């Protein structure tokens, strides 16, 4: 089912025209709100994600002619030094280019040129990158971090501990800890601060996290729900939840209650299915299988009157 089909089904159930843009926009909002509500009920397996990002240096530049392309090599006009572009933030001032695998130091005021994009800019300075925004979206939980390059797990620490590690942020070297420090004010993405500030670039950091649903716009209407992170078993849940909200808005509380009941039924089925995804788990009250080598009963089967 596509998001557009879900919107049509919601409007059909509320008795509203699916050719009216205002009705479609509100139905889309309610589908998004329901997905966000259901998404935080339990630890859904389908929201678990993994991202890898590279440690970088931050180049401050000015007068960029165009965006530099991720993966291209930039070259200094006078120093002939090179580096590979990880990303380019040209939406804010000053303009920042995040790079790795730099060959040598660049020279202040020299022109740097992108080998693929042909973009040019005037180089100003370099700093080790301490803060990273590896996920362009919403997150409900960060699970774990790993320095994959050095096969070293990283601790997740709070702000007090993080500040005690390095009060003036001058230490560089191997990364040992991560602070989840909120949302980047420029980009609106979840922000991570590393300790120590990475002393070398192109080190791979792997993070596991739980995705949070966004509010979808009309550009997503032709996408399948599964492409939006909504599995098949959840499709009717978001439709019933959106219909409930719409009916409440219109003052039709009896039909809204019926939709709420259907939403609850689908969420119950989702929870049962969710328990079967992460391995062959069994509740404590179930008897052991014939393949169990050792079993300790913890119920009342050994009790006698």
Protein backbone atom coordinates (compact mmCIF):
# COMPACT_ATOMS: atom_id res chain seq x y z
CA UNK A 1 0.00 0.00 0.00
CA UNK A 2 1.24 3.49 -0.82
CA UNK A 3 0.80 6.52 1.40
CA UNK A 4 -1.69 7.90 -1.16
CA UNK A 5 -3.76 4.71 -0.90
CA UNK A 6 -3.70 4.99 2.89
CA UNK A 7 -4.92 8.57 2.64
CA UNK A 8 -7.76 7.52 0.33
CA UNK A 9 -8.79 4.71 2.66
CA UNK A 10 -8.79 7.08 5.65
CA UNK A 11 -10.98 9.62 3.84
CA UNK A 12 -13.35 6.91 2.59
CA UNK A 13 -13.82 5.73 6.17
CA UNK A 14 -14.56 9.27 7.34
CA UNK A 15 -16.92 9.99 4.45
CA UNK A 16 -14.79 12.82 3.06
CA UNK A 17 -13.83 13.46 -0.56
CA UNK A 18 -10.37 12.18 -1.50
CA UNK A 19 -10.16 14.76 -4.29
CA UNK A 20 -9.98 17.69 -1.88
CA UNK A 21 -6.42 18.78 -1.14
CA UNK A 22 -7.25 20.12 2.32
CA UNK A 23 -8.77 16.78 3.38
CA UNK A 24 -5.82 14.85 1.95
CA UNK A 25 -3.31 17.07 3.74
CA UNK A 26 -5.04 16.57 7.09
CA UNK A 27 -5.32 12.79 6.56
CA UNK A 28 -1.61 12.66 5.75
CA UNK A 29 -0.83 14.55 8.96
CA UNK A 30 -2.96 12.18 11.01
CA UNK A 31 -1.30 9.14 9.44
CA UNK A 32 2.08 10.64 10.35
CA UNK A 33 0.96 11.40 13.91
CA UNK A 34 -0.33 7.84 14.36
CA UNK A 35 2.92 6.36 13.07
CA UNK A 36 4.85 8.54 15.53
CA UNK A 37 2.61 7.45 18.41
CA UNK A 38 2.77 3.75 17.57
CA UNK A 39 6.51 4.01 16.88
CA UNK A 40 7.37 4.73 20.52
CA UNK A 41 5.08 2.15 22.16
CA UNK A 42 7.61 -0.70 22.22
CA UNK A 43 11.05 -1.53 20.82
CA UNK A 44 9.92 -2.33 17.28
CA UNK A 45 12.49 -4.36 15.37
CA UNK A 46 11.80 -2.57 12.08
CA UNK A 47 12.93 0.79 13.45
CA UNK A 48 16.42 -0.45 14.35
CA UNK A 49 19.04 1.15 12.11
CA UNK A 50 22.82 1.23 11.72
CA UNK A 51 24.94 4.09 10.37
CA UNK A 52 28.66 4.42 9.80
CA UNK A 53 30.52 7.71 9.58
CA UNK A 54 34.13 8.74 9.12
CA UNK A 55 36.21 10.91 11.41
CA UNK A 56 37.14 14.09 9.56
CA UNK A 57 38.86 17.44 9.66
CA UNK A 58 36.84 20.61 9.20
CA UNK A 59 38.02 23.05 6.54
CA UNK A 60 36.71 26.61 6.85
CA UNK A 61 36.53 28.21 3.41
CA UNK A 62 34.98 31.25 1.78
CA UNK A 63 33.69 32.19 -1.65
CA UNK A 64 32.69 28.68 -2.69
CA UNK A 65 31.59 28.77 -6.33
CA UNK A 66 29.32 25.73 -5.89
CA UNK A 67 28.86 22.70 -3.66
CA UNK A 68 31.73 20.26 -3.36
CA UNK A 69 30.76 16.62 -4.00
CA UNK A 70 31.14 13.86 -1.41
CA UNK A 71 33.93 11.50 -2.42
CA UNK A 72 35.76 13.92 -4.71
CA UNK A 73 39.36 14.96 -4.12
CA UNK A 74 40.10 18.62 -3.51
CA UNK A 75 43.53 20.07 -4.23
CA UNK A 76 45.26 23.17 -2.88
CA UNK A 77 46.39 25.53 -5.63
CA UNK A 78 49.73 26.50 -4.07
CA UNK A 79 50.43 23.67 -1.60
CA UNK A 80 49.26 20.87 -3.96
CA UNK A 81 47.92 19.14 -0.82
CA UNK A 82 44.90 16.90 -1.31
CA UNK A 83 41.99 15.62 0.75
CA UNK A 84 38.77 13.68 0.10
CA UNK A 85 35.44 15.41 0.68
CA UNK A 86 33.09 13.74 3.15
CA UNK A 87 30.43 16.47 3.06
CA UNK A 88 30.03 20.18 2.39
CA UNK A 89 27.94 22.51 4.53
CA UNK A 90 27.36 25.51 2.29
CA UNK A 91 24.00 26.51 3.77
CA UNK A 92 25.50 28.45 6.66
CA UNK A 93 28.29 30.92 7.24
CA UNK A 94 31.13 30.22 7.42
CA UNK A 95 31.20 27.53 4.74
CA UNK A 96 32.59 24.24 6.04
CA UNK A 97 34.03 21.29 4.13
CA UNK A 98 34.47 18.04 6.06
CA UNK A 99 37.40 16.03 4.68
CA UNK A 100 39.45 12.90 5.35
CA UNK A 101 42.63 11.28 4.05
CA UNK A 102 44.41 14.63 3.78
CA UNK A 103 47.94 14.37 2.33
CA UNK A 104 49.52 17.40 4.02
CA UNK A 105 48.71 20.84 5.41
CA UNK A 106 46.90 23.34 3.22
CA UNK A 107 48.04 26.96 3.02
CA UNK A 108 45.91 29.87 4.20
CA UNK A 109 44.26 31.91 1.41
CA UNK A 110 45.10 29.37 -1.29
CA UNK A 111 42.38 28.24 -3.70
CA UNK A 112 41.09 24.68 -3.34
CA UNK A 113 39.49 23.00 -6.34
CA UNK A 114 37.20 19.97 -6.53
CA UNK A 115 38.40 17.32 -8.93
CA UNK A 116 34.89 16.20 -9.89
CA UNK A 117 32.63 19.19 -9.31
CA UNK A 118 35.16 21.79 -10.45
CA UNK A 119 34.04 23.94 -7.51
CA UNK A 120 36.53 26.40 -6.05
CA UNK A 121 36.86 28.15 -2.69
CA UNK A 122 39.43 30.07 -0.69
CA UNK A 123 40.88 27.99 2.13
CA UNK A 124 41.12 29.61 5.58
CA UNK A 125 41.85 27.08 8.34
CA UNK A 126 41.61 23.47 9.57
CA UNK A 127 40.27 21.97 12.82
CA UNK A 128 39.80 18.41 14.03
CA UNK A 129 36.10 17.54 13.91
CA UNK A 130 34.65 16.82 17.36
CA UNK A 131 30.89 17.11 16.66
CA UNK A 132 29.12 14.87 14.13
CA UNK A 133 25.57 14.69 12.74
CA UNK A 134 25.55 11.30 10.97
CA UNK A 135 21.77 10.86 10.71
CA UNK A 136 19.64 13.25 8.66
CA UNK A 137 16.42 12.56 10.53
CA UNK A 138 14.74 11.96 13.86
CA UNK A 139 15.92 9.37 16.41
CA UNK A 140 14.27 7.99 19.53
CA UNK A 141 17.25 6.08 20.99
CA UNK A 142 20.97 5.65 20.43
CA UNK A 143 21.85 2.04 21.27
CA UNK A 144 25.61 1.68 20.90
CA UNK A 145 28.75 3.05 19.29
CA UNK A 146 31.80 1.22 17.99
CA UNK A 147 35.13 2.39 16.65
CA UNK A 148 35.06 -0.16 13.84
CA UNK A 149 38.50 0.69 12.52
CA UNK A 150 40.15 -0.17 15.85
CA UNK A 151 37.50 -2.67 17.01
CA UNK A 152 36.89 -0.68 20.16
CA UNK A 153 33.43 -0.19 21.77
CA UNK A 154 32.69 3.38 22.82
CA UNK A 155 30.98 4.40 26.05
CA UNK A 156 27.88 6.60 26.03
CA UNK A 157 28.29 9.23 28.75
CA UNK A 158 26.28 12.12 30.18
CA UNK A 159 27.23 15.81 29.95
CA UNK A 160 28.82 16.00 33.41
CA UNK A 161 31.14 13.08 32.76
CA UNK A 162 31.92 14.35 29.29
CA UNK A 163 32.92 17.78 30.62
CA UNK A 164 35.17 16.23 33.26
CA UNK A 165 37.04 14.26 30.59
CA UNK A 166 38.29 17.38 28.82
CA UNK A 167 37.08 20.75 30.03
CA UNK A 168 38.72 22.86 27.35
CA UNK A 169 38.21 20.37 24.46
CA UNK A 170 41.91 20.23 23.58
CA UNK A 171 42.58 16.50 23.84
CA UNK A 172 42.97 14.62 20.57
CA UNK A 173 43.61 10.95 19.95
CA UNK A 174 41.70 7.68 20.02
CA UNK A 175 37.96 8.04 20.59
CA UNK A 176 36.69 6.41 23.80
CA UNK A 177 33.33 8.02 24.59
CA UNK A 178 30.30 9.64 22.97
CA UNK A 179 27.95 12.30 24.32
CA UNK A 180 24.48 12.51 22.74
CA UNK A 181 24.20 16.28 22.93
CA UNK A 182 20.84 17.16 21.46
CA UNK A 183 19.97 18.61 18.07
CA UNK A 184 22.19 20.67 15.79
CA UNK A 185 20.77 24.20 15.65
CA UNK A 186 21.71 24.71 11.98
CA UNK A 187 20.67 21.41 10.43
CA UNK A 188 18.11 20.13 12.93
CA UNK A 189 19.77 16.69 13.08
CA UNK A 190 20.80 14.66 16.17
CA UNK A 191 24.25 15.72 17.34
CA UNK A 192 27.09 13.58 18.73
CA UNK A 193 30.19 14.85 20.52
CA UNK A 194 33.25 12.58 20.66
CA UNK A 195 35.93 12.29 23.31
CA UNK A 196 38.71 12.45 22.53
CA UNK A 197 38.47 14.66 19.49
CA UNK A 198 39.68 12.28 16.74
CA UNK A 199 43.33 12.88 16.00
CA UNK A 200 43.23 11.07 12.67
CA UNK A 201 40.71 10.99 9.84
CA UNK A 202 38.99 8.17 7.93
CA UNK A 203 38.41 6.18 11.13
CA UNK A 204 35.04 4.42 10.87
CA UNK A 205 32.55 4.88 13.72
CA UNK A 206 29.48 2.62 13.69
CA UNK A 207 26.32 3.60 15.54
CA UNK A 208 23.16 1.62 16.19
CA UNK A 209 19.99 3.60 16.84
CA UNK A 210 16.21 3.59 16.67
CA UNK A 211 14.57 5.61 13.93
CA UNK A 212 11.72 8.01 14.68
CA UNK A 213 9.01 8.70 12.12
CA UNK A 214 8.91 12.07 10.41
CA UNK A 215 5.83 14.01 9.34
CA UNK A 216 5.38 13.09 5.69
CA UNK A 217 4.64 15.60 2.96
CA UNK A 218 2.83 15.18 -0.35
CA UNK A 219 6.13 14.26 -2.04
CA UNK A 220 5.90 10.90 -0.22
CA UNK A 221 2.38 10.05 -1.45
CA UNK A 222 3.55 7.64 -4.16
CA UNK A 223 5.95 5.80 -1.86
CA UNK A 224 5.08 2.39 -0.48
CA UNK A 225 4.57 2.39 3.27
CA UNK A 226 7.47 -0.03 3.66
CA UNK A 227 9.76 2.56 2.01
CA UNK A 228 8.67 5.00 4.73
CA UNK A 229 9.59 2.51 7.46
CA UNK A 230 6.05 1.18 7.97
CA UNK A 231 5.86 -2.63 7.57
CA UNK A 232 2.80 -4.36 6.17
CA UNK A 233 1.43 -5.34 9.58
CA UNK A 234 1.40 -1.66 10.60
CA UNK A 235 -0.34 -0.25 7.51
CA UNK A 236 -3.91 -0.68 8.74
CA UNK A 237 -2.91 0.49 12.22
CA UNK A 238 -1.92 3.93 10.89
CA UNK A 239 -5.06 4.10 8.73
CA UNK A 240 -7.37 3.31 11.67
CA UNK A 241 -5.47 5.68 13.93
CA UNK A 242 -5.69 8.51 11.41
CA UNK A 243 -9.39 7.84 10.85
CA UNK A 244 -9.99 7.96 14.61
CA UNK A 245 -8.33 11.37 14.84
CA UNK A 246 -10.27 12.71 11.87
CA UNK A 247 -13.60 11.48 13.22
CA UNK A 248 -12.87 13.07 16.60
CA UNK A 249 -12.12 16.34 14.84
CA UNK A 250 -15.53 16.13 13.15
CA UNK A 251 -17.28 15.30 16.44
CA UNK A 252 -18.18 11.73 15.47
CA UNK A 253 -17.09 10.09 18.72
CA UNK A 254 -18.96 6.73 18.37
CA UNK A 255 -17.28 5.92 15.04
CA UNK A 256 -14.00 7.27 16.38
CA UNK A 257 -14.23 4.80 19.27
CA UNK A 258 -14.74 1.96 16.78
CA UNK A 259 -11.63 3.01 14.86
CA UNK A 260 -9.67 3.22 18.13
CA UNK A 261 -10.69 -0.37 18.88
CA UNK A 262 -9.46 -1.51 15.45
CA UNK A 263 -6.21 0.37 16.00
CA UNK A 264 -5.72 -1.45 19.30
CA UNK A 265 -6.35 -4.82 17.63
CA UNK A 266 -3.68 -4.16 15.01
CA UNK A 267 -1.18 -2.88 17.56
CA UNK A 268 -1.74 -6.04 19.63
CA UNK A 269 -0.95 -8.17 16.57
CA UNK A 270 2.12 -6.04 15.90
CA UNK A 271 3.39 -6.65 19.44
CA UNK A 272 2.98 -10.41 19.08
CA UNK A 273 4.81 -10.42 15.77
CA UNK A 274 7.53 -8.17 17.19
CA UNK A 275 8.35 -10.77 19.87
CA UNK A 276 9.09 -13.35 17.17
CA UNK A 277 11.59 -11.27 15.21
CA UNK A 278 14.67 -11.06 17.45
CA UNK A 279 15.44 -14.75 17.77
CA UNK A 280 13.43 -17.75 18.92
CA UNK A 281 12.45 -16.39 22.33
CA UNK A 282 10.14 -18.17 24.73
CA UNK A 283 8.25 -16.95 27.76
CA UNK A 284 9.19 -18.37 31.17
CA UNK A 285 5.94 -20.27 31.53
CA UNK A 286 6.48 -22.34 28.38
CA UNK A 287 7.85 -25.89 28.75
CA UNK A 288 11.34 -26.64 27.47
CA UNK A 289 11.86 -28.04 23.99
CA UNK A 290 13.41 -31.45 23.50
CA UNK A 291 16.67 -29.78 22.48
CA UNK A 292 17.18 -27.97 25.79
CA UNK A 293 20.15 -29.32 27.74
CA UNK A 294 19.27 -27.64 31.01
CA UNK A 295 16.00 -26.24 32.34
CA UNK A 296 15.03 -24.80 35.71
CA UNK A 297 11.27 -24.55 36.30
CA UNK A 298 10.30 -21.27 37.91
CA UNK A 299 6.55 -21.75 38.03
CA UNK A 300 4.44 -23.83 40.45
CA UNK A 301 4.90 -27.23 38.81
CA UNK A 302 6.93 -28.54 41.78
CA UNK A 303 4.57 -27.27 44.44
CA UNK A 304 2.61 -29.84 46.48
CA UNK A 305 -0.30 -29.45 48.86
